[in-house]
Amino acid sequence: KEEALEALQVVRQECHGDAARTAGGSGATRKCT
């Protein structure tokens, strides 16, 4: 179960990163002052 949790944490973080890049548009890093 520990290995399963670790794997799912990696997957969720990757998916979250994809969603953030999509929301930001064309994968660009957010720029602000």
PDB file of all heavy atoms in Angstrom:
ATOM      1  N   LYS A   1       0.834  -1.209   0.000  1.00  0.00           N
ATOM      2  CA  LYS A   1       0.000   0.000   0.000  1.00  0.00           C
ATOM      3  C   LYS A   1       0.865   1.254   0.000  1.00  0.00           C
ATOM      4  O   LYS A   1       0.502   2.275  -0.587  1.00  0.00           O
ATOM      5  CB  LYS A   1      -0.925  -0.005   1.214  1.00  0.00           C
ATOM      6  CG  LYS A   1      -2.008  -1.076   1.154  1.00  0.00           C
ATOM      7  CD  LYS A   1      -2.903  -1.017   2.371  1.00  0.00           C
ATOM      8  CE  LYS A   1      -3.991  -2.093   2.317  1.00  0.00           C
ATOM      9  NZ  LYS A   1      -4.858  -2.066   3.513  1.00  0.00           N
ATOM     10  N   GLU A   2       2.024   1.180   0.694  1.00  0.00           N
ATOM     11  CA  GLU A   2       2.926   2.332   0.720  1.00  0.00           C
ATOM     12  C   GLU A   2       3.422   2.661  -0.680  1.00  0.00           C
ATOM     13  O   GLU A   2       3.445   3.832  -1.092  1.00  0.00           O
ATOM     14  CB  GLU A   2       4.118   2.052   1.648  1.00  0.00           C
ATOM     15  CG  GLU A   2       3.748   1.914   3.111  1.00  0.00           C
ATOM     16  CD  GLU A   2       3.471   0.467   3.496  1.00  0.00           C
ATOM     17  OE1 GLU A   2       3.063  -0.316   2.597  1.00  0.00           O
ATOM     18  OE2 GLU A   2       3.652   0.122   4.669  1.00  0.00           O
ATOM     19  N   GLU A   3       3.828   1.626  -1.437  1.00  0.00           N
ATOM     20  CA  GLU A   3       4.303   1.844  -2.801  1.00  0.00           C
ATOM     21  C   GLU A   3       3.181   2.353  -3.697  1.00  0.00           C
ATOM     22  O   GLU A   3       3.409   3.203  -4.575  1.00  0.00           O
ATOM     23  CB  GLU A   3       4.878   0.539  -3.355  1.00  0.00           C
ATOM     24  CG  GLU A   3       6.170   0.100  -2.687  1.00  0.00           C
ATOM     25  CD  GLU A   3       6.603  -1.300  -3.109  1.00  0.00           C
ATOM     26  OE1 GLU A   3       5.716  -2.169  -3.271  1.00  0.00           O
ATOM     27  OE2 GLU A   3       7.811  -1.507  -3.289  1.00  0.00           O
ATOM     28  N   ALA A   4       1.960   1.849  -3.484  1.00  0.00           N
ATOM     29  CA  ALA A   4       0.821   2.316  -4.273  1.00  0.00           C
ATOM     30  C   ALA A   4       0.530   3.782  -4.002  1.00  0.00           C
ATOM     31  O   ALA A   4       0.285   4.572  -4.922  1.00  0.00           O
ATOM     32  CB  ALA A   4      -0.412   1.464  -3.960  1.00  0.00           C
ATOM     33  N   LEU A   5       0.580   4.179  -2.719  1.00  0.00           N
ATOM     34  CA  LEU A   5       0.347   5.576  -2.360  1.00  0.00           C
ATOM     35  C   LEU A   5       1.416   6.475  -2.976  1.00  0.00           C
ATOM     36  O   LEU A   5       1.112   7.555  -3.494  1.00  0.00           O
ATOM     37  CB  LEU A   5       0.351   5.722  -0.830  1.00  0.00           C
ATOM     38  CG  LEU A   5      -0.935   5.340  -0.107  1.00  0.00           C
ATOM     39  CD1 LEU A   5      -0.694   5.207   1.377  1.00  0.00           C
ATOM     40  CD2 LEU A   5      -2.022   6.366  -0.377  1.00  0.00           C
ATOM     41  N   GLU A   6       2.663   6.024  -2.910  1.00  0.00           N
ATOM     42  CA  GLU A   6       3.756   6.823  -3.466  1.00  0.00           C
ATOM     43  C   GLU A   6       3.578   7.014  -4.965  1.00  0.00           C
ATOM     44  O   GLU A   6       3.760   8.114  -5.498  1.00  0.00           O
ATOM     45  CB  GLU A   6       5.089   6.144  -3.167  1.00  0.00           C
ATOM     46  CG  GLU A   6       6.297   6.984  -3.543  1.00  0.00           C
ATOM     47  CD  GLU A   6       7.605   6.312  -3.175  1.00  0.00           C
ATOM     48  OE1 GLU A   6       7.570   5.178  -2.642  1.00  0.00           O
ATOM     49  OE2 GLU A   6       8.664   6.904  -3.439  1.00  0.00           O
ATOM     50  N   ALA A   7       3.202   5.939  -5.661  1.00  0.00           N
ATOM     51  CA  ALA A   7       2.994   6.021  -7.102  1.00  0.00           C
ATOM     52  C   ALA A   7       1.836   6.960  -7.445  1.00  0.00           C
ATOM     53  O   ALA A   7       1.929   7.784  -8.371  1.00  0.00           O
ATOM     54  CB  ALA A   7       2.729   4.627  -7.665  1.00  0.00           C
ATOM     55  N   LEU A   8       0.750   6.862  -6.693  1.00  0.00           N
ATOM     56  CA  LEU A   8      -0.416   7.711  -6.963  1.00  0.00           C
ATOM     57  C   LEU A   8      -0.131   9.174  -6.657  1.00  0.00           C
ATOM     58  O   LEU A   8      -0.689  10.069  -7.305  1.00  0.00           O
ATOM     59  CB  LEU A   8      -1.612   7.209  -6.155  1.00  0.00           C
ATOM     60  CG  LEU A   8      -2.206   5.881  -6.657  1.00  0.00           C
ATOM     61  CD1 LEU A   8      -3.253   5.363  -5.686  1.00  0.00           C
ATOM     62  CD2 LEU A   8      -2.803   6.038  -8.042  1.00  0.00           C
ATOM     63  N   GLN A   9       0.712   9.427  -5.656  1.00  0.00           N
ATOM     64  CA  GLN A   9       1.101  10.807  -5.374  1.00  0.00           C
ATOM     65  C   GLN A   9       1.847  11.400  -6.567  1.00  0.00           C
ATOM     66  O   GLN A   9       1.613  12.546  -6.950  1.00  0.00           O
ATOM     67  CB  GLN A   9       1.973  10.859  -4.117  1.00  0.00           C
ATOM     68  CG  GLN A   9       1.196  10.688  -2.824  1.00  0.00           C
ATOM     69  CD  GLN A   9       2.105  10.603  -1.610  1.00  0.00           C
ATOM     70  OE1 GLN A   9       3.310  10.412  -1.732  1.00  0.00           O
ATOM     71  NE2 GLN A   9       1.531  10.717  -0.433  1.00  0.00           N
ATOM     72  N   VAL A  10       2.743  10.612  -7.169  1.00  0.00           N
ATOM     73  CA  VAL A  10       3.481  11.077  -8.348  1.00  0.00           C
ATOM     74  C   VAL A  10       2.515  11.367  -9.496  1.00  0.00           C
ATOM     75  O   VAL A  10       2.598  12.405 -10.155  1.00  0.00           O
ATOM     76  CB  VAL A  10       4.524  10.017  -8.778  1.00  0.00           C
ATOM     77  CG1 VAL A  10       5.144  10.390 -10.127  1.00  0.00           C
ATOM     78  CG2 VAL A  10       5.613   9.886  -7.723  1.00  0.00           C
ATOM     79  N   VAL A  11       1.566  10.462  -9.724  1.00  0.00           N
ATOM     80  CA  VAL A  11       0.617  10.624 -10.814  1.00  0.00           C
ATOM     81  C   VAL A  11      -0.244  11.866 -10.605  1.00  0.00           C
ATOM     82  O   VAL A  11      -0.459  12.657 -11.532  1.00  0.00           O
ATOM     83  CB  VAL A  11      -0.272   9.366 -10.942  1.00  0.00           C
ATOM     84  CG1 VAL A  11      -1.372   9.596 -11.971  1.00  0.00           C
ATOM     85  CG2 VAL A  11       0.564   8.156 -11.334  1.00  0.00           C
ATOM     86  N   ARG A  12      -0.756  12.031  -9.375  1.00  0.00           N
ATOM     87  CA  ARG A  12      -1.621  13.189  -9.099  1.00  0.00           C
ATOM     88  C   ARG A  12      -0.852  14.497  -9.280  1.00  0.00           C
ATOM     89  O   ARG A  12      -1.373  15.467  -9.836  1.00  0.00           O
ATOM     90  CB  ARG A  12      -2.201  13.097  -7.686  1.00  0.00           C
ATOM     91  CG  ARG A  12      -3.125  14.264  -7.346  1.00  0.00           C
ATOM     92  CD  ARG A  12      -3.798  14.068  -6.004  1.00  0.00           C
ATOM     93  NE  ARG A  12      -4.881  13.103  -6.083  1.00  0.00           N
ATOM     94  CZ  ARG A  12      -6.110  13.400  -6.455  1.00  0.00           C
ATOM     95  NH1 ARG A  12      -6.417  14.635  -6.814  1.00  0.00           N
ATOM     96  NH2 ARG A  12      -7.043  12.484  -6.488  1.00  0.00           N
ATOM     97  N   GLN A  13       0.405  14.554  -8.825  1.00  0.00           N
ATOM     98  CA  GLN A  13       1.199  15.773  -8.973  1.00  0.00           C
ATOM     99  C   GLN A  13       1.468  16.082 -10.434  1.00  0.00           C
ATOM    100  O   GLN A  13       1.440  17.242 -10.852  1.00  0.00           O
ATOM    101  CB  GLN A  13       2.509  15.625  -8.198  1.00  0.00           C
ATOM    102  CG  GLN A  13       2.333  15.693  -6.691  1.00  0.00           C
ATOM    103  CD  GLN A  13       3.583  15.309  -5.929  1.00  0.00           C
ATOM    104  OE1 GLN A  13       4.672  15.238  -6.483  1.00  0.00           O
ATOM    105  NE2 GLN A  13       3.445  15.056  -4.635  1.00  0.00           N
ATOM    106  N   GLU A  14       1.718  15.043 -11.234  1.00  0.00           N
ATOM    107  CA  GLU A  14       1.925  15.249 -12.663  1.00  0.00           C
ATOM    108  C   GLU A  14       0.659  15.778 -13.330  1.00  0.00           C
ATOM    109  O   GLU A  14       0.716  16.709 -14.142  1.00  0.00           O
ATOM    110  CB  GLU A  14       2.346  13.927 -13.319  1.00  0.00           C
ATOM    111  CG  GLU A  14       3.779  13.524 -13.054  1.00  0.00           C
ATOM    112  CD  GLU A  14       4.780  14.456 -13.707  1.00  0.00           C
ATOM    113  OE1 GLU A  14       4.618  14.766 -14.895  1.00  0.00           O
ATOM    114  OE2 GLU A  14       5.708  14.902 -13.004  1.00  0.00           O
ATOM    115  N   CYS A  15      -0.479  15.197 -12.976  1.00  0.00           N
ATOM    116  CA  CYS A  15      -1.751  15.649 -13.551  1.00  0.00           C
ATOM    117  C   CYS A  15      -2.073  17.065 -13.124  1.00  0.00           C
ATOM    118  O   CYS A  15      -2.610  17.872 -13.902  1.00  0.00           O
ATOM    119  CB  CYS A  15      -2.877  14.694 -13.162  1.00  0.00           C
ATOM    120  SG  CYS A  15      -2.737  13.054 -13.910  1.00  0.00           S
ATOM    121  N   HIS A  16      -1.752  17.385 -11.869  1.00  0.00           N
ATOM    122  CA  HIS A  16      -1.982  18.751 -11.380  1.00  0.00           C
ATOM    123  C   HIS A  16      -1.109  19.743 -12.145  1.00  0.00           C
ATOM    124  O   HIS A  16      -1.553  20.830 -12.511  1.00  0.00           O
ATOM    125  CB  HIS A  16      -1.673  18.833  -9.887  1.00  0.00           C
ATOM    126  CG  HIS A  16      -1.884  20.207  -9.314  1.00  0.00           C
ATOM    127  ND1 HIS A  16      -0.867  21.150  -9.257  1.00  0.00           N
ATOM    128  CD2 HIS A  16      -2.976  20.802  -8.781  1.00  0.00           C
ATOM    129  CE1 HIS A  16      -1.334  22.262  -8.716  1.00  0.00           C
ATOM    130  NE2 HIS A  16      -2.599  22.083  -8.424  1.00  0.00           N
ATOM    131  N   GLY A  17       0.133  19.354 -12.422  1.00  0.00           N
ATOM    132  CA  GLY A  17       1.011  20.217 -13.198  1.00  0.00           C
ATOM    133  C   GLY A  17       0.504  20.434 -14.606  1.00  0.00           C
ATOM    134  O   GLY A  17       0.566  21.539 -15.146  1.00  0.00           O
ATOM    135  N   ASP A  18      -0.043  19.372 -15.210  1.00  0.00           N
ATOM    136  CA  ASP A  18      -0.620  19.495 -16.545  1.00  0.00           C
ATOM    137  C   ASP A  18      -1.788  20.468 -16.552  1.00  0.00           C
ATOM    138  O   ASP A  18      -1.921  21.309 -17.441  1.00  0.00           O
ATOM    139  CB  ASP A  18      -1.099  18.132 -17.045  1.00  0.00           C
ATOM    140  CG  ASP A  18       0.070  17.205 -17.379  1.00  0.00           C
ATOM    141  OD1 ASP A  18       1.204  17.707 -17.476  1.00  0.00           O
ATOM    142  OD2 ASP A  18      -0.163  15.988 -17.512  1.00  0.00           O
ATOM    143  N   ALA A  19      -2.651  20.350 -15.517  1.00  0.00           N
ATOM    144  CA  ALA A  19      -3.822  21.229 -15.436  1.00  0.00           C
ATOM    145  C   ALA A  19      -3.402  22.681 -15.269  1.00  0.00           C
ATOM    146  O   ALA A  19      -3.987  23.590 -15.864  1.00  0.00           O
ATOM    147  CB  ALA A  19      -4.723  20.796 -14.277  1.00  0.00           C
ATOM    148  N   ALA A  20      -2.367  22.895 -14.444  1.00  0.00           N
ATOM    149  CA  ALA A  20      -1.895  24.267 -14.219  1.00  0.00           C
ATOM    150  C   ALA A  20      -1.317  24.863 -15.498  1.00  0.00           C
ATOM    151  O   ALA A  20      -1.554  26.023 -15.826  1.00  0.00           O
ATOM    152  CB  ALA A  20      -0.846  24.279 -13.107  1.00  0.00           C
ATOM    153  N   ARG A  21      -0.564  24.038 -16.264  1.00  0.00           N
ATOM    154  CA  ARG A  21       0.014  24.538 -17.510  1.00  0.00           C
ATOM    155  C   ARG A  21      -1.075  24.831 -18.544  1.00  0.00           C
ATOM    156  O   ARG A  21      -0.998  25.803 -19.295  1.00  0.00           O
ATOM    157  CB  ARG A  21       1.022  23.531 -18.059  1.00  0.00           C
ATOM    158  CG  ARG A  21       2.329  23.493 -17.269  1.00  0.00           C
ATOM    159  CD  ARG A  21       3.358  22.640 -17.981  1.00  0.00           C
ATOM    160  NE  ARG A  21       3.011  21.225 -17.934  1.00  0.00           N
ATOM    161  CZ  ARG A  21       3.366  20.405 -16.957  1.00  0.00           C
ATOM    162  NH1 ARG A  21       4.063  20.871 -15.933  1.00  0.00           N
ATOM    163  NH2 ARG A  21       3.045  19.128 -16.988  1.00  0.00           N
ATOM    164  N   THR A  22      -2.100  23.974 -18.570  1.00  0.00           N
ATOM    165  CA  THR A  22      -3.212  24.196 -19.505  1.00  0.00           C
ATOM    166  C   THR A  22      -3.957  25.482 -19.165  1.00  0.00           C
ATOM    167  O   THR A  22      -4.307  26.275 -20.040  1.00  0.00           O
ATOM    168  CB  THR A  22      -4.190  23.006 -19.467  1.00  0.00           C
ATOM    169  OG1 THR A  22      -3.485  21.816 -19.823  1.00  0.00           O
ATOM    170  CG2 THR A  22      -5.345  23.234 -20.426  1.00  0.00           C
ATOM    171  N   ALA A  23      -4.184  25.698 -17.857  1.00  0.00           N
ATOM    172  CA  ALA A  23      -4.885  26.910 -17.427  1.00  0.00           C
ATOM    173  C   ALA A  23      -4.068  28.151 -17.743  1.00  0.00           C
ATOM    174  O   ALA A  23      -4.600  29.209 -18.047  1.00  0.00           O
ATOM    175  CB  ALA A  23      -5.178  26.841 -15.928  1.00  0.00           C
ATOM    176  N   GLY A  24      -2.739  28.016 -17.675  1.00  0.00           N
ATOM    177  CA  GLY A  24      -1.877  29.160 -17.941  1.00  0.00           C
ATOM    178  C   GLY A  24      -1.742  29.478 -19.418  1.00  0.00           C
ATOM    179  O   GLY A  24      -1.300  30.554 -19.792  1.00  0.00           O
ATOM    180  N   GLY A  25      -2.111  28.514 -20.261  1.00  0.00           N
ATOM    181  CA  GLY A  25      -2.056  28.758 -21.694  1.00  0.00           C
ATOM    182  C   GLY A  25      -0.725  28.369 -22.297  1.00  0.00           C
ATOM    183  O   GLY A  25       0.314  28.876 -21.909  1.00  0.00           O
ATOM    184  N   SER A  26      -0.748  27.465 -23.234  1.00  0.00           N
ATOM    185  CA  SER A  26       0.405  27.022 -24.028  1.00  0.00           C
ATOM    186  C   SER A  26       1.599  26.633 -23.179  1.00  0.00           C
ATOM    187  O   SER A  26       2.737  26.768 -23.595  1.00  0.00           O
ATOM    188  CB  SER A  26       0.823  28.124 -25.024  1.00  0.00           C
ATOM    189  OG  SER A  26       1.330  29.258 -24.332  1.00  0.00           O
ATOM    190  N   GLY A  27       1.358  26.201 -21.925  1.00  0.00           N
ATOM    191  CA  GLY A  27       2.434  25.685 -21.097  1.00  0.00           C
ATOM    192  C   GLY A  27       3.384  26.749 -20.596  1.00  0.00           C
ATOM    193  O   GLY A  27       4.457  26.439 -20.091  1.00  0.00           O
ATOM    194  N   ALA A  28       3.073  28.020 -20.766  1.00  0.00           N
ATOM    195  CA  ALA A  28       3.989  29.076 -20.361  1.00  0.00           C
ATOM    196  C   ALA A  28       4.009  29.238 -18.856  1.00  0.00           C
ATOM    197  O   ALA A  28       2.995  29.099 -18.185  1.00  0.00           O
ATOM    198  CB  ALA A  28       3.570  30.399 -21.018  1.00  0.00           C
ATOM    199  N   THR A  29       5.193  29.553 -18.339  1.00  0.00           N
ATOM    200  CA  THR A  29       5.325  29.831 -16.921  1.00  0.00           C
ATOM    201  C   THR A  29       4.614  31.142 -16.596  1.00  0.00           C
ATOM    202  O   THR A  29       4.728  32.121 -17.344  1.00  0.00           O
ATOM    203  CB  THR A  29       6.810  29.939 -16.535  1.00  0.00           C
ATOM    204  OG1 THR A  29       7.449  28.711 -16.872  1.00  0.00           O
ATOM    205  CG2 THR A  29       6.964  30.202 -15.044  1.00  0.00           C
ATOM    206  N   ARG A  30       3.917  31.150 -15.484  1.00  0.00           N
ATOM    207  CA  ARG A  30       3.187  32.351 -15.102  1.00  0.00           C
ATOM    208  C   ARG A  30       4.150  33.474 -14.782  1.00  0.00           C
ATOM    209  O   ARG A  30       5.123  33.298 -14.066  1.00  0.00           O
ATOM    210  CB  ARG A  30       2.330  32.051 -13.882  1.00  0.00           C
ATOM    211  CG  ARG A  30       1.570  33.272 -13.375  1.00  0.00           C
ATOM    212  CD  ARG A  30       1.029  33.036 -11.985  1.00  0.00           C
ATOM    213  NE  ARG A  30       0.401  34.226 -11.456  1.00  0.00           N
ATOM    214  CZ  ARG A  30       0.170  34.434 -10.167  1.00  0.00           C
ATOM    215  NH1 ARG A  30       0.534  33.529  -9.293  1.00  0.00           N
ATOM    216  NH2 ARG A  30      -0.422  35.520  -9.758  1.00  0.00           N
ATOM    217  N   LYS A  31       3.869  34.657 -15.325  1.00  0.00           N
ATOM    218  CA  LYS A  31       4.692  35.834 -15.067  1.00  0.00           C
ATOM    219  C   LYS A  31       3.838  36.870 -14.358  1.00  0.00           C
ATOM    220  O   LYS A  31       2.706  37.132 -14.735  1.00  0.00           O
ATOM    221  CB  LYS A  31       5.237  36.414 -16.377  1.00  0.00           C
ATOM    222  CG  LYS A  31       6.181  35.484 -17.134  1.00  0.00           C
ATOM    223  CD  LYS A  31       6.698  36.146 -18.397  1.00  0.00           C
ATOM    224  CE  LYS A  31       7.644  35.218 -19.151  1.00  0.00           C
ATOM    225  NZ  LYS A  31       6.966  34.022 -19.671  1.00  0.00           N
ATOM    226  N   CYS A  32       4.390  37.445 -13.313  1.00  0.00           N
ATOM    227  CA  CYS A  32       3.683  38.504 -12.593  1.00  0.00           C
ATOM    228  C   CYS A  32       4.711  39.363 -11.887  1.00  0.00           C
ATOM    229  O   CYS A  32       5.874  38.984 -11.731  1.00  0.00           O
ATOM    230  CB  CYS A  32       2.684  37.919 -11.594  1.00  0.00           C
ATOM    231  SG  CYS A  32       3.438  36.892 -10.325  1.00  0.00           S
ATOM    232  N   THR A  33       4.265  40.517 -11.438  1.00  0.00           N
ATOM    233  CA  THR A  33       5.167  41.429 -10.733  1.00  0.00           C
ATOM    234  C   THR A  33       5.075  41.204  -9.233  1.00  0.00           C
ATOM    235  O   THR A  33       4.146  40.560  -8.730  1.00  0.00           O
ATOM    236  CB  THR A  33       4.799  42.886 -11.045  1.00  0.00           C
ATOM    237  OG1 THR A  33       3.490  43.157 -10.480  1.00  0.00           O
ATOM    238  CG2 THR A  33       4.767  43.132 -12.549  1.00  0.00           C
TER     239      THR A  33
END
